[in-house]
Amino acid sequence: MWQRLRNWARNIKRDVLMLWLAARDLTTPWQAKLLAGVVAAYALSPIDLIPDFIPVLGYLDDIVLVPVGIWLAVKLIPAALVVELRARAEGLAQRPVSRGAAVVVVAIWIAAALGLGLAAWLMLNPRIAQ
C-alpha cells in the first residue's frame, strides 16, 4: 500500500511538472495552456485555497483539486504531446529545484493578494475611488 501511495505522489509531481511544460509549449492548445498554467501554479504555490493547518480540509484540496485539475488539463492536451511532455518532465524531475521559480510564484500570489485587497478597499471607500 505504501509503495502505491509513493508511486501516486511521484506521478502527481511528474504531471505537475508536465503541465508547467505544457503551459509553455507552443503546440499546446490555448485552453489547455491556461488550465495547465493555473493547475501547475496552484500545485507549486506555497499558498493553498484551504490552509493545511485546518484539520482534514487543509489537505483535501491537495488530494482532490490538484489531481482533478491534472486530469482535466491532460484531457485537453493531445495524447502524443502528453507522452512527450511526461518524458521531458521525468528528465527534469532528476534536476535540482529552481529557487527562482519559487520566488516568481510567490511574487505573483503577493501581487494578486495586494490587487484584491486594493479592490476591496476601494469598494469599501467609494469617495476615494472617485
C-alpha atoms as a PDB file:
ATOM      1  CA  MET A   1       0.000   0.000   0.000  1.00  0.00           C
ATOM      2  CA  TRP A   2       2.771   2.464   0.890  1.00  0.00           C
ATOM      3  CA  GLN A   3       4.556   1.775  -2.384  1.00  0.00           C
ATOM      4  CA  ARG A   4       1.366   2.532  -4.336  1.00  0.00           C
ATOM      5  CA  LEU A   5       0.961   5.787  -2.395  1.00  0.00           C
ATOM      6  CA  ARG A   6       4.577   6.762  -3.129  1.00  0.00           C
ATOM      7  CA  ASN A   7       4.102   5.995  -6.835  1.00  0.00           C
ATOM      8  CA  TRP A   8       0.890   8.041  -6.897  1.00  0.00           C
ATOM      9  CA  ALA A   9       2.674  11.022  -5.293  1.00  0.00           C
ATOM     10  CA  ARG A  10       5.614  10.666  -7.705  1.00  0.00           C
ATOM     11  CA  ASN A  11       3.210  10.630 -10.671  1.00  0.00           C
ATOM     12  CA  ILE A  12       1.421  13.740  -9.369  1.00  0.00           C
ATOM     13  CA  LYS A  13       4.769  15.531  -9.074  1.00  0.00           C
ATOM     14  CA  ARG A  14       5.753  14.464 -12.604  1.00  0.00           C
ATOM     15  CA  ASP A  15       2.377  15.519 -14.023  1.00  0.00           C
ATOM     16  CA  VAL A  16       2.527  18.945 -12.362  1.00  0.00           C
ATOM     17  CA  LEU A  17       5.915  19.468 -13.982  1.00  0.00           C
ATOM     18  CA  MET A  18       4.463  18.165 -17.254  1.00  0.00           C
ATOM     19  CA  LEU A  19       1.643  20.738 -17.021  1.00  0.00           C
ATOM     20  CA  TRP A  20       4.160  23.503 -16.407  1.00  0.00           C
ATOM     21  CA  LEU A  21       5.949  22.404 -19.579  1.00  0.00           C
ATOM     22  CA  ALA A  22       2.629  22.177 -21.457  1.00  0.00           C
ATOM     23  CA  ALA A  23       1.729  25.733 -20.457  1.00  0.00           C
ATOM     24  CA  ARG A  24       4.957  26.920 -22.091  1.00  0.00           C
ATOM     25  CA  ASP A  25       4.789  24.667 -25.169  1.00  0.00           C
ATOM     26  CA  LEU A  26       3.788  26.347 -28.436  1.00  0.00           C
ATOM     27  CA  THR A  27       1.863  23.315 -29.722  1.00  0.00           C
ATOM     28  CA  THR A  28      -0.449  23.099 -26.702  1.00  0.00           C
ATOM     29  CA  PRO A  29      -3.988  24.420 -27.384  1.00  0.00           C
ATOM     30  CA  TRP A  30      -4.639  27.724 -25.600  1.00  0.00           C
ATOM     31  CA  GLN A  31      -7.419  26.310 -23.369  1.00  0.00           C
ATOM     32  CA  ALA A  32      -5.086  23.556 -22.193  1.00  0.00           C
ATOM     33  CA  LYS A  33      -2.278  26.100 -21.693  1.00  0.00           C
ATOM     34  CA  LEU A  34      -4.491  28.220 -19.475  1.00  0.00           C
ATOM     35  CA  LEU A  35      -5.709  25.322 -17.359  1.00  0.00           C
ATOM     36  CA  ALA A  36      -2.245  23.722 -17.214  1.00  0.00           C
ATOM     37  CA  GLY A  37      -0.717  27.001 -16.048  1.00  0.00           C
ATOM     38  CA  VAL A  38      -3.348  27.510 -13.347  1.00  0.00           C
ATOM     39  CA  VAL A  39      -3.075  23.931 -12.054  1.00  0.00           C
ATOM     40  CA  ALA A  40       0.736  23.983 -12.068  1.00  0.00           C
ATOM     41  CA  ALA A  41       0.852  27.382 -10.329  1.00  0.00           C
ATOM     42  CA  TYR A  42      -1.620  26.224  -7.685  1.00  0.00           C
ATOM     43  CA  ALA A  43       0.194  22.941  -7.096  1.00  0.00           C
ATOM     44  CA  LEU A  44       3.618  24.592  -6.869  1.00  0.00           C
ATOM     45  CA  SER A  45       2.441  27.578  -4.849  1.00  0.00           C
ATOM     46  CA  PRO A  46       3.095  27.674  -1.127  1.00  0.00           C
ATOM     47  CA  ILE A  47      -0.337  29.275  -0.682  1.00  0.00           C
ATOM     48  CA  ASP A  48      -3.365  26.949  -0.655  1.00  0.00           C
ATOM     49  CA  LEU A  49      -7.056  27.607  -1.189  1.00  0.00           C
ATOM     50  CA  ILE A  50      -7.658  25.947   2.183  1.00  0.00           C
ATOM     51  CA  PRO A  51      -4.662  26.284   4.562  1.00  0.00           C
ATOM     52  CA  ASP A  52      -3.062  22.978   5.551  1.00  0.00           C
ATOM     53  CA  PHE A  53      -3.379  23.671   9.284  1.00  0.00           C
ATOM     54  CA  ILE A  54      -7.170  23.215   9.080  1.00  0.00           C
ATOM     55  CA  PRO A  55      -7.776  19.558  10.020  1.00  0.00           C
ATOM     56  CA  VAL A  56      -8.831  17.272   7.148  1.00  0.00           C
ATOM     57  CA  LEU A  57      -9.971  20.105   4.836  1.00  0.00           C
ATOM     58  CA  GLY A  58      -6.442  21.532   4.645  1.00  0.00           C
ATOM     59  CA  TYR A  59      -5.129  18.519   2.791  1.00  0.00           C
ATOM     60  CA  LEU A  60      -8.371  17.741   0.990  1.00  0.00           C
ATOM     61  CA  ASP A  61      -7.745  20.427  -1.631  1.00  0.00           C
ATOM     62  CA  ASP A  62      -4.292  18.972  -2.344  1.00  0.00           C
ATOM     63  CA  ILE A  63      -5.662  15.435  -2.541  1.00  0.00           C
ATOM     64  CA  VAL A  64      -8.704  16.311  -4.688  1.00  0.00           C
ATOM     65  CA  LEU A  65      -8.241  19.625  -6.537  1.00  0.00           C
ATOM     66  CA  VAL A  66      -4.750  19.031  -7.906  1.00  0.00           C
ATOM     67  CA  PRO A  67      -5.425  15.533  -9.328  1.00  0.00           C
ATOM     68  CA  VAL A  68      -8.766  16.668 -10.807  1.00  0.00           C
ATOM     69  CA  GLY A  69      -7.056  19.701 -12.360  1.00  0.00           C
ATOM     70  CA  ILE A  70      -4.314  17.491 -13.766  1.00  0.00           C
ATOM     71  CA  TRP A  71      -6.887  15.079 -15.178  1.00  0.00           C
ATOM     72  CA  LEU A  72      -8.855  17.901 -16.867  1.00  0.00           C
ATOM     73  CA  ALA A  73      -5.744  19.521 -18.324  1.00  0.00           C
ATOM     74  CA  VAL A  74      -4.420  16.195 -19.645  1.00  0.00           C
ATOM     75  CA  LYS A  75      -7.785  15.613 -21.363  1.00  0.00           C
ATOM     76  CA  LEU A  76      -7.323  18.921 -23.237  1.00  0.00           C
ATOM     77  CA  ILE A  77      -3.750  18.192 -24.371  1.00  0.00           C
ATOM     78  CA  PRO A  78      -3.214  15.915 -27.414  1.00  0.00           C
ATOM     79  CA  ALA A  79      -2.144  12.399 -26.317  1.00  0.00           C
ATOM     80  CA  ALA A  80       1.125  12.406 -28.289  1.00  0.00           C
ATOM     81  CA  LEU A  81       2.116  15.704 -26.689  1.00  0.00           C
ATOM     82  CA  VAL A  82       1.291  14.347 -23.210  1.00  0.00           C
ATOM     83  CA  VAL A  83       3.645  11.392 -23.787  1.00  0.00           C
ATOM     84  CA  GLU A  84       6.429  13.702 -24.981  1.00  0.00           C
ATOM     85  CA  LEU A  85       5.968  16.188 -22.137  1.00  0.00           C
ATOM     86  CA  ARG A  86       5.833  13.428 -19.494  1.00  0.00           C
ATOM     87  CA  ALA A  87       9.149  12.092 -20.783  1.00  0.00           C
ATOM     88  CA  ARG A  88      10.666  15.580 -20.564  1.00  0.00           C
ATOM     89  CA  ALA A  89       9.222  16.019 -17.074  1.00  0.00           C
ATOM     90  CA  GLU A  90      10.790  12.726 -15.952  1.00  0.00           C
ATOM     91  CA  GLY A  91      14.176  14.038 -17.061  1.00  0.00           C
ATOM     92  CA  LEU A  92      13.688  17.406 -15.390  1.00  0.00           C
ATOM     93  CA  ALA A  93      12.500  15.814 -12.139  1.00  0.00           C
ATOM     94  CA  GLN A  94      16.031  14.495 -11.633  1.00  0.00           C
ATOM     95  CA  ARG A  95      17.435  18.037 -11.683  1.00  0.00           C
ATOM     96  CA  PRO A  96      17.686  20.408  -8.686  1.00  0.00           C
ATOM     97  CA  VAL A  97      14.767  22.618  -7.607  1.00  0.00           C
ATOM     98  CA  SER A  98      14.555  26.144  -9.042  1.00  0.00           C
ATOM     99  CA  ARG A  99      14.502  28.774  -6.295  1.00  0.00           C
ATOM    100  CA  GLY A 100      13.935  31.486  -8.910  1.00  0.00           C
ATOM    101  CA  ALA A 101      10.658  29.906  -9.990  1.00  0.00           C
ATOM    102  CA  ALA A 102       9.537  29.756  -6.361  1.00  0.00           C
ATOM    103  CA  VAL A 103      10.250  33.489  -5.980  1.00  0.00           C
ATOM    104  CA  VAL A 104       8.229  34.248  -9.133  1.00  0.00           C
ATOM    105  CA  VAL A 105       5.236  32.190  -7.934  1.00  0.00           C
ATOM    106  CA  VAL A 106       5.278  33.843  -4.508  1.00  0.00           C
ATOM    107  CA  ALA A 107       5.551  37.286  -6.135  1.00  0.00           C
ATOM    108  CA  ILE A 108       2.534  36.550  -8.332  1.00  0.00           C
ATOM    109  CA  TRP A 109       0.474  35.440  -5.304  1.00  0.00           C
ATOM    110  CA  ILE A 110       1.503  38.549  -3.345  1.00  0.00           C
ATOM    111  CA  ALA A 111       0.618  40.799  -6.289  1.00  0.00           C
ATOM    112  CA  ALA A 112      -2.769  39.075  -6.642  1.00  0.00           C
ATOM    113  CA  ALA A 113      -3.456  39.447  -2.909  1.00  0.00           C
ATOM    114  CA  LEU A 114      -2.475  43.120  -2.971  1.00  0.00           C
ATOM    115  CA  GLY A 115      -4.667  43.712  -6.021  1.00  0.00           C
ATOM    116  CA  LEU A 116      -7.646  42.048  -4.367  1.00  0.00           C
ATOM    117  CA  GLY A 117      -7.012  43.977  -1.159  1.00  0.00           C
ATOM    118  CA  LEU A 118      -6.851  47.268  -3.040  1.00  0.00           C
ATOM    119  CA  ALA A 119     -10.048  46.475  -4.955  1.00  0.00           C
ATOM    120  CA  ALA A 120     -11.840  45.585  -1.718  1.00  0.00           C
ATOM    121  CA  TRP A 121     -10.564  48.737  -0.022  1.00  0.00           C
ATOM    122  CA  LEU A 122     -11.744  50.905  -2.930  1.00  0.00           C
ATOM    123  CA  MET A 123     -15.165  49.224  -2.845  1.00  0.00           C
ATOM    124  CA  LEU A 124     -15.484  49.943   0.872  1.00  0.00           C
ATOM    125  CA  ASN A 125     -14.343  53.551   0.435  1.00  0.00           C
ATOM    126  CA  PRO A 126     -16.238  54.831  -2.648  1.00  0.00           C
ATOM    127  CA  ARG A 127     -15.279  58.501  -2.070  1.00  0.00           C
ATOM    128  CA  ILE A 128     -11.612  57.687  -2.586  1.00  0.00           C
ATOM    129  CA  ALA A 129     -12.264  55.792  -5.825  1.00  0.00           C
ATOM    130  CA  GLN A 130     -13.805  58.880  -7.398  1.00  0.00           C
END
